[in-house]
Amino acid sequence: MLAGEFNYLTNWGGSDDGMGWLAMTRITATDKIGVTLRYSGLILGDGDADTEITFSPSYAINSNFGVLAEAKYEIDVEKTTLALEGTFTF
């Protein structure tokens, strides 16, 4: 799966106009294992950019429950955030 998004922003949080974007791919290795890669960003009128890269492997335990890990690297502030999640669908 491939996905992309572009947003033109007006009055974003009381700031000047700006733009945001997202490019993402989801790769499925097996019925249970997949990985998502995402690049996204936000630029406001002042020129400051907030961009990040996210890597997220996932595993489907059964048809209703899955787990995933997420590693997000915020490029502009050189900060890495890690998360573990469980997802339940019905």
Protein backbone atom coordinates (compact mmCIF):
# COMPACT_ATOMS: atom_id res chain seq x y z
CA MET A 1 0.00 0.00 0.00
CA LEU A 2 1.17 3.52 -0.78
CA ALA A 3 -0.42 6.69 0.58
CA GLY A 4 0.27 10.37 0.28
CA GLU A 5 -1.27 13.55 1.59
CA PHE A 6 -0.69 17.28 1.18
CA ASN A 7 -2.45 19.98 3.20
CA TYR A 8 -2.47 23.72 2.71
CA LEU A 9 -2.99 25.22 6.17
CA THR A 10 -4.52 28.59 6.95
CA ASN A 11 -4.42 30.12 10.43
CA TRP A 12 -2.82 26.97 11.89
CA GLY A 13 -2.80 27.56 15.63
CA GLY A 14 -2.98 31.30 15.14
CA SER A 15 0.13 31.25 12.97
CA ASP A 16 0.57 32.21 9.35
CA ASP A 17 -0.32 29.88 6.53
CA GLY A 18 1.70 26.75 6.03
CA MET A 19 1.68 23.27 4.58
CA GLY A 20 1.81 19.71 5.80
CA TRP A 21 2.52 16.44 4.04
CA LEU A 22 2.72 12.71 4.57
CA ALA A 23 4.12 9.86 2.47
CA MET A 24 3.59 6.32 3.71
CA THR A 25 4.03 2.74 2.62
CA ARG A 26 2.77 -0.45 4.26
CA ILE A 27 4.57 -3.66 3.36
CA THR A 28 3.04 -7.00 4.28
CA ALA A 29 5.56 -9.85 4.61
CA THR A 30 3.05 -12.55 5.64
CA ASP A 31 -0.56 -12.70 6.80
CA LYS A 32 0.65 -11.86 10.30
CA ILE A 33 3.75 -9.67 9.82
CA GLY A 34 3.96 -6.21 8.29
CA VAL A 35 5.87 -2.96 8.50
CA THR A 36 4.84 0.66 7.95
CA LEU A 37 7.25 3.44 6.94
CA ARG A 38 6.14 7.06 7.09
CA TYR A 39 7.70 10.45 6.32
CA SER A 40 5.72 13.51 7.35
CA GLY A 41 6.22 17.18 7.93
CA LEU A 42 4.74 20.56 8.72
CA ILE A 43 6.05 23.96 7.67
CA LEU A 44 4.42 27.11 8.98
CA GLY A 45 4.72 30.64 7.59
CA ASP A 46 7.74 31.40 9.77
CA GLY A 47 9.73 28.76 7.84
CA ASP A 48 10.29 26.39 10.75
CA ALA A 49 9.91 22.79 9.62
CA ASP A 50 8.86 19.86 11.78
CA THR A 51 9.68 16.63 9.94
CA GLU A 52 9.75 13.04 11.13
CA ILE A 53 10.37 9.50 9.97
CA THR A 54 8.44 6.61 11.53
CA PHE A 55 9.21 2.87 11.36
CA SER A 56 6.52 0.54 12.69
CA PRO A 57 6.66 -3.28 12.52
CA SER A 58 3.46 -5.14 13.41
CA TYR A 59 2.30 -8.65 14.21
CA ALA A 60 -1.28 -10.01 14.10
CA ILE A 61 -1.80 -12.39 17.01
CA ASN A 62 -5.22 -13.38 15.68
CA SER A 63 -7.93 -11.84 13.48
CA ASN A 64 -8.97 -9.40 16.24
CA PHE A 65 -5.79 -8.56 18.15
CA GLY A 66 -2.43 -7.27 16.98
CA VAL A 67 0.65 -5.65 18.44
CA LEU A 68 3.02 -3.12 16.97
CA ALA A 69 6.11 -1.18 17.87
CA GLU A 70 6.79 2.33 16.65
CA ALA A 71 10.06 4.22 16.42
CA LYS A 72 9.66 7.89 15.46
CA TYR A 73 12.65 10.12 14.73
CA GLU A 74 11.96 13.87 14.75
CA ILE A 75 14.58 15.14 12.34
CA ASP A 76 14.65 18.82 13.29
CA VAL A 77 15.09 18.30 17.02
CA GLU A 78 17.03 15.00 16.74
CA LYS A 79 14.63 13.21 19.10
CA THR A 80 13.59 9.54 19.01
CA THR A 81 10.35 8.28 20.55
CA LEU A 82 9.53 4.57 21.03
CA ALA A 83 6.08 3.06 21.62
CA LEU A 84 4.46 -0.37 21.96
CA GLU A 85 0.76 -0.73 21.17
CA GLY A 86 -1.95 -3.32 21.14
CA THR A 87 -4.86 -3.01 18.71
CA PHE A 88 -8.25 -4.66 19.03
CA THR A 89 -10.69 -4.72 16.12
CA PHE A 90 -14.24 -6.00 15.92
